[in-house]
Amino acid sequence: MADNEHPVRAGRIARSLSQSELAKRAGISRQALGAIESTTYQPSVSVALAIARELGASVEALFGESR
């Protein structure tokens, strides 16, 4: 993963998902997912859980302070 690449983006690309596909699976808009990946938006707990579930990762791994 690039130094500044968001873990959600890295996980999405590793699973060959488009932003639209992951957003649809997580129940959010593609624009919201783009904002999450660019760190301009922090998702709610329910959205973070949905994204983590779809990527097979923990919320901490995707959104934790140590990332």
N, C-alpha and C. Protein backbone atom coordinates (compact mmCIF):
# COMPACT_ATOMS: atom_id res chain seq x y z
N MET A 1 0.85 -1.18 0.00
CA MET A 1 0.00 0.00 0.00
C MET A 1 0.89 1.23 0.00
N ALA A 2 0.53 2.21 -0.79
CA ALA A 2 1.28 3.46 -0.79
C ALA A 2 1.17 4.12 0.57
N ASP A 3 2.15 4.92 0.92
CA ASP A 3 2.19 5.52 2.25
C ASP A 3 0.91 6.26 2.61
N ASN A 4 0.32 6.95 1.66
CA ASN A 4 -0.87 7.74 1.98
C ASN A 4 -2.16 7.15 1.41
N GLU A 5 -2.12 5.90 0.95
CA GLU A 5 -3.32 5.28 0.41
C GLU A 5 -4.21 4.79 1.55
N HIS A 6 -5.45 5.15 1.50
CA HIS A 6 -6.40 4.75 2.55
C HIS A 6 -6.60 3.23 2.51
N PRO A 7 -6.65 2.59 3.66
CA PRO A 7 -6.85 1.13 3.69
C PRO A 7 -8.13 0.66 3.01
N VAL A 8 -9.16 1.48 2.99
CA VAL A 8 -10.39 1.09 2.29
C VAL A 8 -10.11 0.99 0.80
N ARG A 9 -9.41 1.96 0.26
CA ARG A 9 -9.06 1.93 -1.17
C ARG A 9 -8.18 0.72 -1.48
N ALA A 10 -7.18 0.48 -0.65
CA ALA A 10 -6.28 -0.65 -0.87
C ALA A 10 -7.06 -1.97 -0.83
N GLY A 11 -7.96 -2.10 0.13
CA GLY A 11 -8.75 -3.32 0.24
C GLY A 11 -9.70 -3.49 -0.93
N ARG A 12 -10.27 -2.39 -1.36
CA ARG A 12 -11.20 -2.43 -2.51
C ARG A 12 -10.46 -2.86 -3.77
N ILE A 13 -9.31 -2.28 -4.00
CA ILE A 13 -8.53 -2.62 -5.20
C ILE A 13 -8.04 -4.06 -5.13
N ALA A 14 -7.62 -4.51 -3.95
CA ALA A 14 -7.15 -5.89 -3.80
C ALA A 14 -8.25 -6.89 -4.12
N ARG A 15 -9.49 -6.50 -3.94
CA ARG A 15 -10.62 -7.39 -4.24
C ARG A 15 -11.24 -7.10 -5.60
N SER A 16 -10.57 -6.26 -6.37
CA SER A 16 -11.02 -5.92 -7.73
C SER A 16 -12.43 -5.37 -7.77
N LEU A 17 -12.75 -4.51 -6.79
CA LEU A 17 -14.07 -3.88 -6.74
C LEU A 17 -13.95 -2.42 -7.18
N SER A 18 -14.92 -1.97 -7.92
CA SER A 18 -14.99 -0.54 -8.24
C SER A 18 -15.56 0.19 -7.03
N GLN A 19 -15.40 1.51 -7.03
CA GLN A 19 -16.03 2.30 -5.97
C GLN A 19 -17.53 2.08 -5.99
N SER A 20 -18.12 2.05 -7.16
CA SER A 20 -19.57 1.88 -7.27
C SER A 20 -20.02 0.56 -6.68
N GLU A 21 -19.27 -0.52 -6.96
CA GLU A 21 -19.67 -1.84 -6.47
C GLU A 21 -19.55 -1.93 -4.95
N LEU A 22 -18.45 -1.46 -4.40
CA LEU A 22 -18.30 -1.51 -2.95
C LEU A 22 -19.34 -0.62 -2.27
N ALA A 23 -19.57 0.55 -2.83
CA ALA A 23 -20.57 1.46 -2.25
C ALA A 23 -21.95 0.80 -2.24
N LYS A 24 -22.32 0.17 -3.35
CA LYS A 24 -23.61 -0.50 -3.44
C LYS A 24 -23.71 -1.60 -2.39
N ARG A 25 -22.66 -2.40 -2.24
CA ARG A 25 -22.67 -3.49 -1.26
C ARG A 25 -22.75 -2.97 0.16
N ALA A 26 -22.15 -1.80 0.41
CA ALA A 26 -22.15 -1.22 1.76
C ALA A 26 -23.37 -0.35 2.02
N GLY A 27 -24.16 -0.09 1.00
CA GLY A 27 -25.38 0.70 1.17
C GLY A 27 -25.16 2.19 1.23
N ILE A 28 -24.12 2.66 0.55
CA ILE A 28 -23.83 4.10 0.50
C ILE A 28 -23.64 4.53 -0.95
N SER A 29 -23.52 5.83 -1.17
CA SER A 29 -23.29 6.32 -2.53
C SER A 29 -21.81 6.21 -2.90
N ARG A 30 -21.55 6.18 -4.19
CA ARG A 30 -20.18 6.16 -4.67
C ARG A 30 -19.44 7.41 -4.22
N GLN A 31 -20.13 8.54 -4.19
CA GLN A 31 -19.53 9.79 -3.74
C GLN A 31 -19.11 9.71 -2.28
N ALA A 32 -19.93 9.09 -1.45
CA ALA A 32 -19.59 8.94 -0.03
C ALA A 32 -18.36 8.06 0.12
N LEU A 33 -18.29 6.98 -0.65
CA LEU A 33 -17.11 6.11 -0.58
C LEU A 33 -15.87 6.85 -1.03
N GLY A 34 -15.99 7.64 -2.08
CA GLY A 34 -14.85 8.45 -2.54
C GLY A 34 -14.38 9.40 -1.46
N ALA A 35 -15.32 10.01 -0.75
CA ALA A 35 -14.96 10.93 0.33
C ALA A 35 -14.29 10.19 1.48
N ILE A 36 -14.74 8.98 1.77
CA ILE A 36 -14.11 8.17 2.81
C ILE A 36 -12.67 7.84 2.40
N GLU A 37 -12.49 7.41 1.17
CA GLU A 37 -11.15 7.05 0.68
C GLU A 37 -10.21 8.24 0.63
N SER A 38 -10.75 9.43 0.43
CA SER A 38 -9.90 10.63 0.39
C SER A 38 -9.77 11.31 1.75
N THR A 39 -10.32 10.68 2.76
CA THR A 39 -10.29 11.13 4.16
C THR A 39 -11.00 12.46 4.40
N THR A 40 -11.92 12.84 3.54
CA THR A 40 -12.68 14.07 3.77
C THR A 40 -13.98 13.78 4.52
N TYR A 41 -14.26 12.50 4.75
CA TYR A 41 -15.48 12.11 5.44
C TYR A 41 -15.20 10.90 6.32
N GLN A 42 -15.65 10.97 7.57
CA GLN A 42 -15.55 9.84 8.49
C GLN A 42 -16.90 9.16 8.52
N PRO A 43 -16.95 7.87 8.21
CA PRO A 43 -18.25 7.19 8.16
C PRO A 43 -18.83 6.95 9.55
N SER A 44 -20.12 6.75 9.58
CA SER A 44 -20.78 6.35 10.82
C SER A 44 -20.33 4.94 11.17
N VAL A 45 -20.62 4.52 12.38
CA VAL A 45 -20.24 3.18 12.81
C VAL A 45 -20.89 2.13 11.91
N SER A 46 -22.15 2.30 11.60
CA SER A 46 -22.83 1.29 10.77
C SER A 46 -22.23 1.20 9.37
N VAL A 47 -21.85 2.33 8.80
CA VAL A 47 -21.21 2.32 7.48
C VAL A 47 -19.82 1.71 7.57
N ALA A 48 -19.06 2.06 8.59
CA ALA A 48 -17.72 1.48 8.77
C ALA A 48 -17.82 -0.04 8.92
N LEU A 49 -18.80 -0.52 9.67
CA LEU A 49 -18.99 -1.96 9.83
C LEU A 49 -19.35 -2.62 8.50
N ALA A 50 -20.21 -1.99 7.72
CA ALA A 50 -20.61 -2.55 6.43
C ALA A 50 -19.42 -2.63 5.47
N ILE A 51 -18.62 -1.59 5.43
CA ILE A 51 -17.43 -1.60 4.57
C ILE A 51 -16.46 -2.67 5.02
N ALA A 52 -16.22 -2.74 6.31
CA ALA A 52 -15.29 -3.74 6.86
C ALA A 52 -15.78 -5.15 6.52
N ARG A 53 -17.07 -5.39 6.67
CA ARG A 53 -17.63 -6.71 6.36
C ARG A 53 -17.39 -7.05 4.89
N GLU A 54 -17.64 -6.11 4.00
CA GLU A 54 -17.47 -6.36 2.56
C GLU A 54 -16.00 -6.58 2.19
N LEU A 55 -15.09 -5.96 2.92
CA LEU A 55 -13.67 -6.10 2.60
C LEU A 55 -12.99 -7.21 3.41
N GLY A 56 -13.73 -7.83 4.31
CA GLY A 56 -13.15 -8.90 5.12
C GLY A 56 -12.06 -8.40 6.04
N ALA A 57 -12.25 -7.21 6.58
CA ALA A 57 -11.26 -6.58 7.46
C ALA A 57 -11.95 -6.07 8.70
N SER A 58 -11.17 -5.71 9.69
CA SER A 58 -11.75 -5.11 10.89
C SER A 58 -11.90 -3.60 10.71
N VAL A 59 -12.82 -3.04 11.44
CA VAL A 59 -12.99 -1.58 11.42
C VAL A 59 -11.69 -0.91 11.87
N GLU A 60 -11.05 -1.49 12.87
CA GLU A 60 -9.79 -0.92 13.38
C GLU A 60 -8.72 -0.88 12.30
N ALA A 61 -8.63 -1.94 11.50
CA ALA A 61 -7.62 -1.98 10.43
C ALA A 61 -7.90 -0.93 9.36
N LEU A 62 -9.17 -0.67 9.10
CA LEU A 62 -9.52 0.28 8.05
C LEU A 62 -9.55 1.73 8.52
N PHE A 63 -9.95 1.96 9.78
CA PHE A 63 -10.17 3.32 10.22
C PHE A 63 -9.43 3.69 11.51
N GLY A 64 -8.64 2.78 12.06
CA GLY A 64 -7.97 3.01 13.33
C GLY A 64 -6.89 4.08 13.25
N GLU A 65 -6.53 4.58 14.40
CA GLU A 65 -5.52 5.63 14.51
C GLU A 65 -4.16 5.22 13.98
N SER A 66 -3.83 3.93 14.09
CA SER A 66 -2.49 3.49 13.73
C SER A 66 -2.29 3.27 12.24
N ARG A 67 -3.30 3.51 11.44
CA ARG A 67 -3.16 3.26 10.00
C ARG A 67 -2.28 4.26 9.34
